[in-house]
PDB file of N, CA and C in Angstrom:
ATOM      1  N   MET A   1     105.278  80.643 174.423  1.00  0.00           N
ATOM      2  CA  MET A   1     105.388  82.081 174.381  1.00  0.00           C
ATOM      3  C   MET A   1     105.621  82.583 175.807  1.00  0.00           C
ATOM      4  N   ASN A   2     106.660  83.395 175.976  1.00  0.00           N
ATOM      5  CA  ASN A   2     106.975  83.913 177.294  1.00  0.00           C
ATOM      6  C   ASN A   2     106.647  85.413 177.380  1.00  0.00           C
ATOM      7  N   PHE A   3     106.910  85.994 178.527  1.00  0.00           N
ATOM      8  CA  PHE A   3     106.594  87.403 178.752  1.00  0.00           C
ATOM      9  C   PHE A   3     107.335  88.310 177.783  1.00  0.00           C
ATOM     10  N   LEU A   4     108.597  87.998 177.492  1.00  0.00           N
ATOM     11  CA  LEU A   4     109.386  88.822 176.581  1.00  0.00           C
ATOM     12  C   LEU A   4     108.794  88.803 175.170  1.00  0.00           C
ATOM     13  N   ASP A   5     108.287  87.636 174.725  1.00  0.00           N
ATOM     14  CA  ASP A   5     107.627  87.542 173.422  1.00  0.00           C
ATOM     15  C   ASP A   5     106.399  88.448 173.374  1.00  0.00           C
ATOM     16  N   ILE A   6     105.589  88.376 174.423  1.00  0.00           N
ATOM     17  CA  ILE A   6     104.371  89.183 174.473  1.00  0.00           C
ATOM     18  C   ILE A   6     104.724  90.665 174.489  1.00  0.00           C
ATOM     19  N   LEU A   7     105.733  91.035 175.254  1.00  0.00           N
ATOM     20  CA  LEU A   7     106.167  92.427 175.316  1.00  0.00           C
ATOM     21  C   LEU A   7     106.641  92.914 173.947  1.00  0.00           C
ATOM     22  N   ALA A   8     107.400  92.090 173.225  1.00  0.00           N
ATOM     23  CA  ALA A   8     107.880  92.464 171.890  1.00  0.00           C
ATOM     24  C   ALA A   8     106.726  92.650 170.926  1.00  0.00           C
ATOM     25  N   VAL A   9     105.727  91.769 170.998  1.00  0.00           N
ATOM     26  CA  VAL A   9     104.568  91.874 170.107  1.00  0.00           C
ATOM     27  C   VAL A   9     103.766  93.137 170.417  1.00  0.00           C
ATOM     28  N   VAL A  10     103.534  93.410 171.694  1.00  0.00           N
ATOM     29  CA  VAL A  10     102.769  94.601 172.083  1.00  0.00           C
ATOM     30  C   VAL A  10     103.516  95.871 171.670  1.00  0.00           C
ATOM     31  N   LEU A  11     104.819  95.911 171.903  1.00  0.00           N
ATOM     32  CA  LEU A  11     105.614  97.070 171.514  1.00  0.00           C
ATOM     33  C   LEU A  11     105.593  97.253 169.999  1.00  0.00           C
ATOM     34  N   SER A  12     105.770  96.168 169.254  1.00  0.00           N
ATOM     35  CA  SER A  12     105.739  96.249 167.797  1.00  0.00           C
ATOM     36  C   SER A  12     104.378  96.729 167.295  1.00  0.00           C
ATOM     37  N   ALA A  13     103.308  96.217 167.894  1.00  0.00           N
ATOM     38  CA  ALA A  13     101.960  96.632 167.484  1.00  0.00           C
ATOM     39  C   ALA A  13     101.733  98.106 167.786  1.00  0.00           C
ATOM     40  N   ALA A  14     102.159  98.554 168.952  1.00  0.00           N
ATOM     41  CA  ALA A  14     101.975  99.960 169.325  1.00  0.00           C
ATOM     42  C   ALA A  14     102.757 100.878 168.396  1.00  0.00           C
ATOM     43  N   VAL A  15     103.990 100.526 168.124  1.00  0.00           N
ATOM     44  CA  VAL A  15     104.820 101.343 167.246  1.00  0.00           C
ATOM     45  C   VAL A  15     104.285 101.304 165.820  1.00  0.00           C
ATOM     46  N   SER A  16     103.807 100.148 165.376  1.00  0.00           N
ATOM     47  CA  SER A  16     103.212 100.032 164.041  1.00  0.00           C
ATOM     48  C   SER A  16     101.959 100.880 163.927  1.00  0.00           C
ATOM     49  N   ALA A  17     101.130 100.864 164.947  1.00  0.00           N
ATOM     50  CA  ALA A  17      99.886 101.625 164.920  1.00  0.00           C
ATOM     51  C   ALA A  17     100.150 103.121 164.812  1.00  0.00           C
ATOM     52  N   MET A  18     101.288 103.559 165.321  1.00  0.00           N
ATOM     53  CA  MET A  18     101.648 104.974 165.230  1.00  0.00           C
ATOM     54  C   MET A  18     102.365 105.291 163.919  1.00  0.00           C
ATOM     55  N   GLY A  19     102.602 104.274 163.099  1.00  0.00           N
ATOM     56  CA  GLY A  19     103.277 104.488 161.829  1.00  0.00           C
ATOM     57  C   GLY A  19     104.768 104.718 161.956  1.00  0.00           C
ATOM     58  N   LEU A  20     105.362 104.185 162.999  1.00  0.00           N
ATOM     59  CA  LEU A  20     106.779 104.428 163.266  1.00  0.00           C
ATOM     60  C   LEU A  20     107.693 103.253 162.925  1.00  0.00           C
ATOM     61  N   GLY A  21     107.180 102.239 162.268  1.00  0.00           N
ATOM     62  CA  GLY A  21     108.037 101.134 161.860  1.00  0.00           C
ATOM     63  C   GLY A  21     108.190 100.041 162.885  1.00  0.00           C
ATOM     64  N   GLY A  22     107.091  99.527 163.369  1.00  0.00           N
ATOM     65  CA  GLY A  22     107.123  98.443 164.339  1.00  0.00           C
ATOM     66  C   GLY A  22     107.735  97.175 163.785  1.00  0.00           C
ATOM     67  N   GLY A  23     107.749  97.049 162.456  1.00  0.00           N
ATOM     68  CA  GLY A  23     108.372  95.884 161.838  1.00  0.00           C
ATOM     69  C   GLY A  23     109.846  95.793 162.141  1.00  0.00           C
ATOM     70  N   GLY A  24     110.496  96.948 162.208  1.00  0.00           N
ATOM     71  CA  GLY A  24     111.912  96.953 162.563  1.00  0.00           C
ATOM     72  C   GLY A  24     112.136  96.407 163.956  1.00  0.00           C
ATOM     73  N   VAL A  25     111.262  96.771 164.881  1.00  0.00           N
ATOM     74  CA  VAL A  25     111.350  96.270 166.252  1.00  0.00           C
ATOM     75  C   VAL A  25     111.155  94.757 166.262  1.00  0.00           C
ATOM     76  N   LEU A  26     110.126  94.288 165.583  1.00  0.00           N
ATOM     77  CA  LEU A  26     109.809  92.864 165.590  1.00  0.00           C
ATOM     78  C   LEU A  26     110.901  92.038 164.915  1.00  0.00           C
ATOM     79  N   ILE A  27     111.395  92.498 163.784  1.00  0.00           N
ATOM     80  CA  ILE A  27     112.438  91.742 163.081  1.00  0.00           C
ATOM     81  C   ILE A  27     113.713  91.688 163.916  1.00  0.00           C
ATOM     82  N   LEU A  28     114.081  92.800 164.520  1.00  0.00           N
ATOM     83  CA  LEU A  28     115.278  92.792 165.375  1.00  0.00           C
ATOM     84  C   LEU A  28     115.101  91.848 166.552  1.00  0.00           C
ATOM     85  N   TYR A  29     113.924  91.851 167.158  1.00  0.00           N
ATOM     86  CA  TYR A  29     113.666  90.936 168.279  1.00  0.00           C
ATOM     87  C   TYR A  29     113.754  89.484 167.826  1.00  0.00           C
ATOM     88  N   LEU A  30     113.103  89.177 166.717  1.00  0.00           N
ATOM     89  CA  LEU A  30     113.084  87.785 166.252  1.00  0.00           C
ATOM     90  C   LEU A  30     114.473  87.288 165.856  1.00  0.00           C
ATOM     91  N   THR A  31     115.269  88.159 165.238  1.00  0.00           N
ATOM     92  CA  THR A  31     116.591  87.704 164.783  1.00  0.00           C
ATOM     93  C   THR A  31     117.619  87.674 165.911  1.00  0.00           C
ATOM     94  N   PHE A  32     117.613  88.674 166.786  1.00  0.00           N
ATOM     95  CA  PHE A  32     118.643  88.730 167.822  1.00  0.00           C
ATOM     96  C   PHE A  32     118.280  87.977 169.095  1.00  0.00           C
ATOM     97  N   VAL A  33     117.033  88.066 169.529  1.00  0.00           N
ATOM     98  CA  VAL A  33     116.644  87.431 170.782  1.00  0.00           C
ATOM     99  C   VAL A  33     116.182  85.996 170.552  1.00  0.00           C
ATOM    100  N   ARG A  34     115.353  85.781 169.545  1.00  0.00           N
ATOM    101  CA  ARG A  34     114.801  84.445 169.292  1.00  0.00           C
ATOM    102  C   ARG A  34     115.650  83.624 168.315  1.00  0.00           C
ATOM    103  N   ASP A  35     116.661  84.232 167.728  1.00  0.00           N
ATOM    104  CA  ASP A  35     117.587  83.551 166.809  1.00  0.00           C
ATOM    105  C   ASP A  35     116.863  82.909 165.627  1.00  0.00           C
ATOM    106  N   ILE A  36     115.892  83.633 165.090  1.00  0.00           N
ATOM    107  CA  ILE A  36     115.158  83.183 163.899  1.00  0.00           C
ATOM    108  C   ILE A  36     115.874  83.757 162.676  1.00  0.00           C
ATOM    109  N   PRO A  37     116.059  82.963 161.620  1.00  0.00           N
ATOM    110  CA  PRO A  37     116.730  83.486 160.418  1.00  0.00           C
ATOM    111  C   PRO A  37     116.007  84.715 159.851  1.00  0.00           C
ATOM    112  N   GLN A  38     116.786  85.585 159.219  1.00  0.00           N
ATOM    113  CA  GLN A  38     116.292  86.866 158.713  1.00  0.00           C
ATOM    114  C   GLN A  38     115.055  86.717 157.824  1.00  0.00           C
ATOM    115  N   LEU A  39     115.098  85.811 156.864  1.00  0.00           N
ATOM    116  CA  LEU A  39     113.971  85.678 155.936  1.00  0.00           C
ATOM    117  C   LEU A  39     112.703  85.215 156.645  1.00  0.00           C
ATOM    118  N   GLU A  40     112.835  84.300 157.596  1.00  0.00           N
ATOM    119  CA  GLU A  40     111.664  83.865 158.358  1.00  0.00           C
ATOM    120  C   GLU A  40     111.123  85.003 159.211  1.00  0.00           C
ATOM    121  N   ALA A  41     112.011  85.782 159.809  1.00  0.00           N
ATOM    122  CA  ALA A  41     111.587  86.918 160.623  1.00  0.00           C
ATOM    123  C   ALA A  41     110.833  87.940 159.779  1.00  0.00           C
ATOM    124  N   GLN A  42     111.298  88.176 158.561  1.00  0.00           N
ATOM    125  CA  GLN A  42     110.607  89.108 157.671  1.00  0.00           C
ATOM    126  C   GLN A  42     109.238  88.563 157.272  1.00  0.00           C
ATOM    127  N   GLY A  43     109.139  87.267 157.048  1.00  0.00           N
ATOM    128  CA  GLY A  43     107.841  86.664 156.735  1.00  0.00           C
ATOM    129  C   GLY A  43     106.864  86.782 157.893  1.00  0.00           C
ATOM    130  N   ILE A  44     107.346  86.518 159.103  1.00  0.00           N
ATOM    131  CA  ILE A  44     106.500  86.668 160.290  1.00  0.00           C
ATOM    132  C   ILE A  44     106.063  88.119 160.436  1.00  0.00           C
ATOM    133  N   ASN A  45     106.991  89.047 160.180  1.00  0.00           N
ATOM    134  CA  ASN A  45     106.668  90.462 160.266  1.00  0.00           C
ATOM    135  C   ASN A  45     105.566  90.838 159.272  1.00  0.00           C
ATOM    136  N   LEU A  46     105.639  90.319 158.066  1.00  0.00           N
ATOM    137  CA  LEU A  46     104.612  90.626 157.066  1.00  0.00           C
ATOM    138  C   LEU A  46     103.252  90.093 157.502  1.00  0.00           C
ATOM    139  N   LEU A  47     103.218  88.897 158.066  1.00  0.00           N
ATOM    140  CA  LEU A  47     101.947  88.356 158.565  1.00  0.00           C
ATOM    141  C   LEU A  47     101.431  89.175 159.744  1.00  0.00           C
ATOM    142  N   PHE A  48     102.323  89.621 160.593  1.00  0.00           N
ATOM    143  CA  PHE A  48     101.956  90.433 161.754  1.00  0.00           C
ATOM    144  C   PHE A  48     101.410  91.789 161.328  1.00  0.00           C
ATOM    145  N   PHE A  49     101.927  92.304 160.220  1.00  0.00           N
ATOM    146  CA  PHE A  49     101.549  93.631 159.744  1.00  0.00           C
ATOM    147  C   PHE A  49     100.102  93.688 159.250  1.00  0.00           C
ATOM    148  N   ILE A  50      99.586  92.600 158.711  1.00  0.00           N
ATOM    149  CA  ILE A  50      98.250  92.614 158.111  1.00  0.00           C
ATOM    150  C   ILE A  50      97.173  93.080 159.099  1.00  0.00           C
ATOM    151  N   PRO A  51      97.022  92.479 160.291  1.00  0.00           N
ATOM    152  CA  PRO A  51      95.975  92.985 161.192  1.00  0.00           C
ATOM    153  C   PRO A  51      96.250  94.410 161.684  1.00  0.00           C
ATOM    154  N   CYS A  52      97.521  94.774 161.839  1.00  0.00           N
ATOM    155  CA  CYS A  52      97.839  96.148 162.243  1.00  0.00           C
ATOM    156  C   CYS A  52      97.412  97.136 161.163  1.00  0.00           C
ATOM    157  N   ALA A  53      97.666  96.794 159.914  1.00  0.00           N
ATOM    158  CA  ALA A  53      97.300  97.684 158.809  1.00  0.00           C
ATOM    159  C   ALA A  53      95.785  97.803 158.675  1.00  0.00           C
ATOM    160  N   ILE A  54      95.088  96.684 158.804  1.00  0.00           N
ATOM    161  CA  ILE A  54      93.623  96.722 158.696  1.00  0.00           C
ATOM    162  C   ILE A  54      93.035  97.575 159.818  1.00  0.00           C
ATOM    163  N   THR A  55      93.538  97.418 161.019  1.00  0.00           N
ATOM    164  CA  THR A  55      93.068  98.229 162.152  1.00  0.00           C
ATOM    165  C   THR A  55      93.342  99.706 161.897  1.00  0.00           C
ATOM    166  N   ALA A  56      94.534 100.032 161.414  1.00  0.00           N
ATOM    167  CA  ALA A  56      94.877 101.426 161.140  1.00  0.00           C
ATOM    168  C   ALA A  56      93.967 102.017 160.064  1.00  0.00           C
ATOM    169  N   ILE A  57      93.643 101.229 159.046  1.00  0.00           N
ATOM    170  CA  ILE A  57      92.748 101.726 157.989  1.00  0.00           C
ATOM    171  C   ILE A  57      91.394 102.106 158.575  1.00  0.00           C
ATOM    172  N   PHE A  58      90.832 101.258 159.425  1.00  0.00           N
ATOM    173  CA  PHE A  58      89.537 101.572 160.032  1.00  0.00           C
ATOM    174  C   PHE A  58      89.611 102.823 160.907  1.00  0.00           C
ATOM    175  N   VAL A  59      90.671 102.930 161.696  1.00  0.00           N
ATOM    176  CA  VAL A  59      90.810 104.094 162.586  1.00  0.00           C
ATOM    177  C   VAL A  59      90.936 105.376 161.781  1.00  0.00           C
ATOM    178  N   TYR A  60      91.805 105.383 160.781  1.00  0.00           N
ATOM    179  CA  TYR A  60      92.019 106.596 159.991  1.00  0.00           C
ATOM    180  C   TYR A  60      90.827 106.911 159.098  1.00  0.00           C
ATOM    181  N   ALA A  61      90.146 105.894 158.611  1.00  0.00           N
ATOM    182  CA  ALA A  61      88.935 106.137 157.807  1.00  0.00           C
ATOM    183  C   ALA A  61      87.855 106.771 158.677  1.00  0.00           C
ATOM    184  N   LYS A  62      87.729 106.308 159.906  1.00  0.00           N
ATOM    185  CA  LYS A  62      86.737 106.871 160.828  1.00  0.00           C
ATOM    186  C   LYS A  62      87.048 108.340 161.110  1.00  0.00           C
ATOM    187  N   ARG A  63      88.321 108.678 161.197  1.00  0.00           N
ATOM    188  CA  ARG A  63      88.723 110.071 161.438  1.00  0.00           C
ATOM    189  C   ARG A  63      88.725 110.912 160.160  1.00  0.00           C
ATOM    190  N   LYS A  64      88.476 110.268 159.026  1.00  0.00           N
ATOM    191  CA  LYS A  64      88.429 110.931 157.710  1.00  0.00           C
ATOM    192  C   LYS A  64      89.753 111.627 157.361  1.00  0.00           C
ATOM    193  N   VAL A  65      90.843 110.929 157.580  1.00  0.00           N
ATOM    194  CA  VAL A  65      92.152 111.491 157.248  1.00  0.00           C
ATOM    195  C   VAL A  65      92.845 110.710 156.117  1.00  0.00           C
ATOM    196  N   LEU A  66      92.121 109.818 155.470  1.00  0.00           N
ATOM    197  CA  LEU A  66      92.694 109.071 154.353  1.00  0.00           C
ATOM    198  C   LEU A  66      92.423 109.822 153.044  1.00  0.00           C
ATOM    199  N   HIS A  67      93.449 109.933 152.227  1.00  0.00           N
ATOM    200  CA  HIS A  67      93.330 110.580 150.926  1.00  0.00           C
ATOM    201  C   HIS A  67      93.467 109.498 149.861  1.00  0.00           C
ATOM    202  N   PHE A  68      92.332 109.039 149.371  1.00  0.00           N
ATOM    203  CA  PHE A  68      92.334 107.878 148.484  1.00  0.00           C
ATOM    204  C   PHE A  68      93.024 108.154 147.152  1.00  0.00           C
ATOM    205  N   LYS A  69      93.096 109.400 146.706  1.00  0.00           N
ATOM    206  CA  LYS A  69      93.822 109.721 145.466  1.00  0.00           C
ATOM    207  C   LYS A  69      95.320 109.480 145.632  1.00  0.00           C
ATOM    208  N   ILE A  70      95.790 109.573 146.850  1.00  0.00           N
ATOM    209  CA  ILE A  70      97.205 109.331 147.133  1.00  0.00           C
ATOM    210  C   ILE A  70      97.440 107.851 147.446  1.00  0.00           C
ATOM    211  N   ILE A  71      96.490 107.231 148.099  1.00  0.00           N
ATOM    212  CA  ILE A  71      96.655 105.855 148.559  1.00  0.00           C
ATOM    213  C   ILE A  71      96.772 104.871 147.404  1.00  0.00           C
ATOM    214  N   LEU A  72      95.945 105.022 146.367  1.00  0.00           N
ATOM    215  CA  LEU A  72      95.954 104.056 145.260  1.00  0.00           C
ATOM    216  C   LEU A  72      97.313 103.962 144.572  1.00  0.00           C
ATOM    217  N   PRO A  73      97.934 105.083 144.162  1.00  0.00           N
ATOM    218  CA  PRO A  73      99.271 104.957 143.552  1.00  0.00           C
ATOM    219  C   PRO A  73     100.302 104.337 144.503  1.00  0.00           C
ATOM    220  N   MET A  74     100.181 104.652 145.800  1.00  0.00           N
ATOM    221  CA  MET A  74     101.116 104.073 146.765  1.00  0.00           C
ATOM    222  C   MET A  74     100.910 102.565 146.873  1.00  0.00           C
ATOM    223  N   MET A  75      99.653 102.128 146.855  1.00  0.00           N
ATOM    224  CA  MET A  75      99.371 100.690 146.902  1.00  0.00           C
ATOM    225  C   MET A  75      99.942  99.993 145.672  1.00  0.00           C
ATOM    226  N   LEU A  76      99.763 100.603 144.509  1.00  0.00           N
ATOM    227  CA  LEU A  76     100.293  99.996 143.280  1.00  0.00           C
ATOM    228  C   LEU A  76     101.819  99.936 143.314  1.00  0.00           C
ATOM    229  N   GLY A  77     102.445 100.993 143.809  1.00  0.00           N
ATOM    230  CA  GLY A  77     103.902 100.983 143.953  1.00  0.00           C
ATOM    231  C   GLY A  77     104.360  99.939 144.955  1.00  0.00           C
ATOM    232  N   GLY A  78     103.604  99.800 146.040  1.00  0.00           N
ATOM    233  CA  GLY A  78     103.928  98.775 147.031  1.00  0.00           C
ATOM    234  C   GLY A  78     103.820  97.373 146.460  1.00  0.00           C
ATOM    235  N   LEU A  79     102.779  97.137 145.676  1.00  0.00           N
ATOM    236  CA  LEU A  79     102.617  95.820 145.051  1.00  0.00           C
ATOM    237  C   LEU A  79     103.739  95.542 144.062  1.00  0.00           C
ATOM    238  N   ALA A  80     104.152  96.563 143.317  1.00  0.00           N
ATOM    239  CA  ALA A  80     105.283  96.384 142.396  1.00  0.00           C
ATOM    240  C   ALA A  80     106.557  96.066 143.183  1.00  0.00           C
ATOM    241  N   GLY A  81     106.738  96.733 144.320  1.00  0.00           N
ATOM    242  CA  GLY A  81     107.898  96.458 145.167  1.00  0.00           C
ATOM    243  C   GLY A  81     107.877  95.051 145.735  1.00  0.00           C
ATOM    244  N   VAL A  82     106.687  94.587 146.116  1.00  0.00           N
ATOM    245  CA  VAL A  82     106.556  93.219 146.629  1.00  0.00           C
ATOM    246  C   VAL A  82     106.906  92.213 145.540  1.00  0.00           C
ATOM    247  N   ALA A  83     106.415  92.451 144.324  1.00  0.00           N
ATOM    248  CA  ALA A  83     106.709  91.542 143.214  1.00  0.00           C
ATOM    249  C   ALA A  83     108.209  91.509 142.932  1.00  0.00           C
ATOM    250  N   ALA A  84     108.840  92.684 142.888  1.00  0.00           N
ATOM    251  CA  ALA A  84     110.287  92.739 142.629  1.00  0.00           C
ATOM    252  C   ALA A  84     111.063  92.087 143.771  1.00  0.00           C
ATOM    253  N   GLY A  85     110.648  92.359 145.008  1.00  0.00           N
ATOM    254  CA  GLY A  85     111.322  91.759 146.157  1.00  0.00           C
ATOM    255  C   GLY A  85     111.195  90.255 146.186  1.00  0.00           C
ATOM    256  N   SER A  86     110.013  89.751 145.831  1.00  0.00           N
ATOM    257  CA  SER A  86     109.806  88.300 145.792  1.00  0.00           C
ATOM    258  C   SER A  86     110.693  87.653 144.740  1.00  0.00           C
ATOM    259  N   PHE A  87     110.844  88.324 143.615  1.00  0.00           N
ATOM    260  CA  PHE A  87     111.694  87.802 142.546  1.00  0.00           C
ATOM    261  C   PHE A  87     113.159  87.797 142.987  1.00  0.00           C
ATOM    262  N   LEU A  88     113.602  88.890 143.604  1.00  0.00           N
ATOM    263  CA  LEU A  88     115.003  89.012 143.995  1.00  0.00           C
ATOM    264  C   LEU A  88     115.352  88.192 145.238  1.00  0.00           C
ATOM    265  N   LEU A  89     114.355  87.830 146.023  1.00  0.00           N
ATOM    266  CA  LEU A  89     114.576  87.118 147.272  1.00  0.00           C
ATOM    267  C   LEU A  89     115.404  85.852 147.078  1.00  0.00           C
ATOM    268  N   TYR A  90     115.136  85.122 146.030  1.00  0.00           N
ATOM    269  CA  TYR A  90     115.830  83.855 145.805  1.00  0.00           C
ATOM    270  C   TYR A  90     117.104  84.028 144.990  1.00  0.00           C
ATOM    271  N   LYS A  91     117.380  85.241 144.574  1.00  0.00           N
ATOM    272  CA  LYS A  91     118.588  85.503 143.795  1.00  0.00           C
ATOM    273  C   LYS A  91     119.696  86.116 144.652  1.00  0.00           C
ATOM    274  N   ILE A  92     119.339  86.609 145.851  1.00  0.00           N
ATOM    275  CA  ILE A  92     120.308  87.272 146.725  1.00  0.00           C
ATOM    276  C   ILE A  92     120.534  86.406 147.962  1.00  0.00           C
ATOM    277  N   ASP A  93     121.781  86.253 148.356  1.00  0.00           N
ATOM    278  CA  ASP A  93     122.144  85.485 149.546  1.00  0.00           C
ATOM    279  C   ASP A  93     121.575  86.155 150.795  1.00  0.00           C
ATOM    280  N   THR A  94     121.111  85.356 151.766  1.00  0.00           N
ATOM    281  CA  THR A  94     120.499  85.903 152.978  1.00  0.00           C
ATOM    282  C   THR A  94     121.466  86.785 153.762  1.00  0.00           C
ATOM    283  N   LYS A  95     122.750  86.536 153.651  1.00  0.00           N
ATOM    284  CA  LYS A  95     123.742  87.378 154.334  1.00  0.00           C
ATOM    285  C   LYS A  95     123.631  88.816 153.819  1.00  0.00           C
ATOM    286  N   TYR A  96     123.468  88.981 152.510  1.00  0.00           N
ATOM    287  CA  TYR A  96     123.370  90.309 151.933  1.00  0.00           C
ATOM    288  C   TYR A  96     122.015  90.958 152.243  1.00  0.00           C
ATOM    289  N   ILE A  97     120.972  90.150 152.326  1.00  0.00           N
ATOM    290  CA  ILE A  97     119.663  90.688 152.692  1.00  0.00           C
ATOM    291  C   ILE A  97     119.714  91.264 154.103  1.00  0.00           C
ATOM    292  N   SER A  98     120.384  90.559 155.017  1.00  0.00           N
ATOM    293  CA  SER A  98     120.533  91.059 156.385  1.00  0.00           C
ATOM    294  C   SER A  98     121.317  92.366 156.408  1.00  0.00           C
ATOM    295  N   MET A  99     122.374  92.445 155.607  1.00  0.00           N
ATOM    296  CA  MET A  99     123.158  93.675 155.555  1.00  0.00           C
ATOM    297  C   MET A  99     122.350  94.819 154.946  1.00  0.00           C
ATOM    298  N   LEU A 100     121.585  94.527 153.902  1.00  0.00           N
ATOM    299  CA  LEU A 100     120.736  95.556 153.299  1.00  0.00           C
ATOM    300  C   LEU A 100     119.694  96.065 154.293  1.00  0.00           C
ATOM    301  N   PHE A 101     119.108  95.155 155.064  1.00  0.00           N
ATOM    302  CA  PHE A 101     118.115  95.556 156.055  1.00  0.00           C
ATOM    303  C   PHE A 101     118.758  96.432 157.132  1.00  0.00           C
ATOM    304  N   ALA A 102     119.954  96.066 157.576  1.00  0.00           N
ATOM    305  CA  ALA A 102     120.659  96.862 158.584  1.00  0.00           C
ATOM    306  C   ALA A 102     120.971  98.259 158.042  1.00  0.00           C
ATOM    307  N   CYS A 103     121.429  98.335 156.804  1.00  0.00           N
ATOM    308  CA  CYS A 103     121.712  99.642 156.188  1.00  0.00           C
ATOM    309  C   CYS A 103     120.439 100.469 156.071  1.00  0.00           C
ATOM    310  N   PHE A 104     119.348  99.820 155.686  1.00  0.00           N
ATOM    311  CA  PHE A 104     118.064 100.513 155.582  1.00  0.00           C
ATOM    312  C   PHE A 104     117.661 101.100 156.927  1.00  0.00           C
ATOM    313  N   LEU A 105     117.775 100.327 157.995  1.00  0.00           N
ATOM    314  CA  LEU A 105     117.416 100.827 159.325  1.00  0.00           C
ATOM    315  C   LEU A 105     118.310 101.991 159.742  1.00  0.00           C
ATOM    316  N   ILE A 106     119.586 101.920 159.429  1.00  0.00           N
ATOM    317  CA  ILE A 106     120.507 103.002 159.780  1.00  0.00           C
ATOM    318  C   ILE A 106     120.148 104.276 159.016  1.00  0.00           C
ATOM    319  N   ILE A 107     119.845 104.143 157.732  1.00  0.00           N
ATOM    320  CA  ILE A 107     119.500 105.311 156.919  1.00  0.00           C
ATOM    321  C   ILE A 107     118.190 105.938 157.393  1.00  0.00           C
ATOM    322  N   VAL A 108     117.181 105.109 157.619  1.00  0.00           N
ATOM    323  CA  VAL A 108     115.897 105.627 158.092  1.00  0.00           C
ATOM    324  C   VAL A 108     116.054 106.273 159.462  1.00  0.00           C
ATOM    325  N   GLY A 109     116.823 105.641 160.336  1.00  0.00           N
ATOM    326  CA  GLY A 109     117.082 106.228 161.646  1.00  0.00           C
ATOM    327  C   GLY A 109     117.804 107.563 161.540  1.00  0.00           C
ATOM    328  N   GLY A 110     118.750 107.660 160.617  1.00  0.00           N
ATOM    329  CA  GLY A 110     119.460 108.919 160.406  1.00  0.00           C
ATOM    330  C   GLY A 110     118.529 110.024 159.933  1.00  0.00           C
ATOM    331  N   PHE A 111     117.643 109.684 158.993  1.00  0.00           N
ATOM    332  CA  PHE A 111     116.666 110.675 158.537  1.00  0.00           C
ATOM    333  C   PHE A 111     115.736 111.085 159.669  1.00  0.00           C
ATOM    334  N   SER A 112     115.359 110.127 160.489  1.00  0.00           N
ATOM    335  CA  SER A 112     114.463 110.446 161.613  1.00  0.00           C
ATOM    336  C   SER A 112     115.147 111.360 162.622  1.00  0.00           C
ATOM    337  N   LEU A 113     116.414 111.118 162.888  1.00  0.00           N
ATOM    338  CA  LEU A 113     117.138 111.917 163.873  1.00  0.00           C
ATOM    339  C   LEU A 113     117.587 113.271 163.347  1.00  0.00           C
ATOM    340  N   PHE A 114     118.082 113.304 162.102  1.00  0.00           N
ATOM    341  CA  PHE A 114     118.723 114.505 161.602  1.00  0.00           C
ATOM    342  C   PHE A 114     117.982 115.193 160.474  1.00  0.00           C
ATOM    343  N   GLY A 115     116.877 114.607 160.010  1.00  0.00           N
ATOM    344  CA  GLY A 115     116.133 115.209 158.916  1.00  0.00           C
ATOM    345  C   GLY A 115     115.388 116.454 159.346  1.00  0.00           C
ATOM    346  N   LYS A 116     115.168 117.333 158.388  1.00  0.00           N
ATOM    347  CA  LYS A 116     114.402 118.542 158.674  1.00  0.00           C
ATOM    348  C   LYS A 116     112.921 118.205 158.696  1.00  0.00           C
ATOM    349  N   THR A 117     112.213 118.838 159.591  1.00  0.00           N
ATOM    350  CA  THR A 117     110.772 118.634 159.667  1.00  0.00           C
ATOM    351  C   THR A 117     110.054 119.848 159.092  1.00  0.00           C
ATOM    352  N   LYS A 118     108.947 119.602 158.447  1.00  0.00           N
ATOM    353  CA  LYS A 118     108.156 120.691 157.874  1.00  0.00           C
ATOM    354  C   LYS A 118     107.281 121.293 158.958  1.00  0.00           C
ATOM    355  N   LYS A 119     107.140 122.580 158.895  1.00  0.00           N
ATOM    356  CA  LYS A 119     106.254 123.254 159.845  1.00  0.00           C
ATOM    357  C   LYS A 119     104.822 123.141 159.336  1.00  0.00           C
ATOM    358  N   ALA A 120     103.912 122.925 160.269  1.00  0.00           N
ATOM    359  CA  ALA A 120     102.503 122.768 159.890  1.00  0.00           C
ATOM    360  C   ALA A 120     101.904 124.082 159.451  1.00  0.00           C
TER     361      ALA A 120
END
């Protein structure tokens, strides 16, 4: 592990902790800089996400900003998405998965840059 690896992990963790999609940073680093195949990079990202998510849960629970009536349906939807993704993973060529991920990042980035924000 070199300095660039550590920097990528710290940046990904910081961005993840803020809820800004640190997985995108980590996957891009692993695929472009470390030349790790897309599916392996996504697997590493999922493993990396677990401690970040657990830490975020404790922080937000301590601040009392978690709404459990909203969280449960989202968790169930997430689990359904994981099941569907796991099933489709072996049916779709990795080339198309990489293209889908790139399109997803472009769309999310577009919404972040040009989307309307709600006033508090």
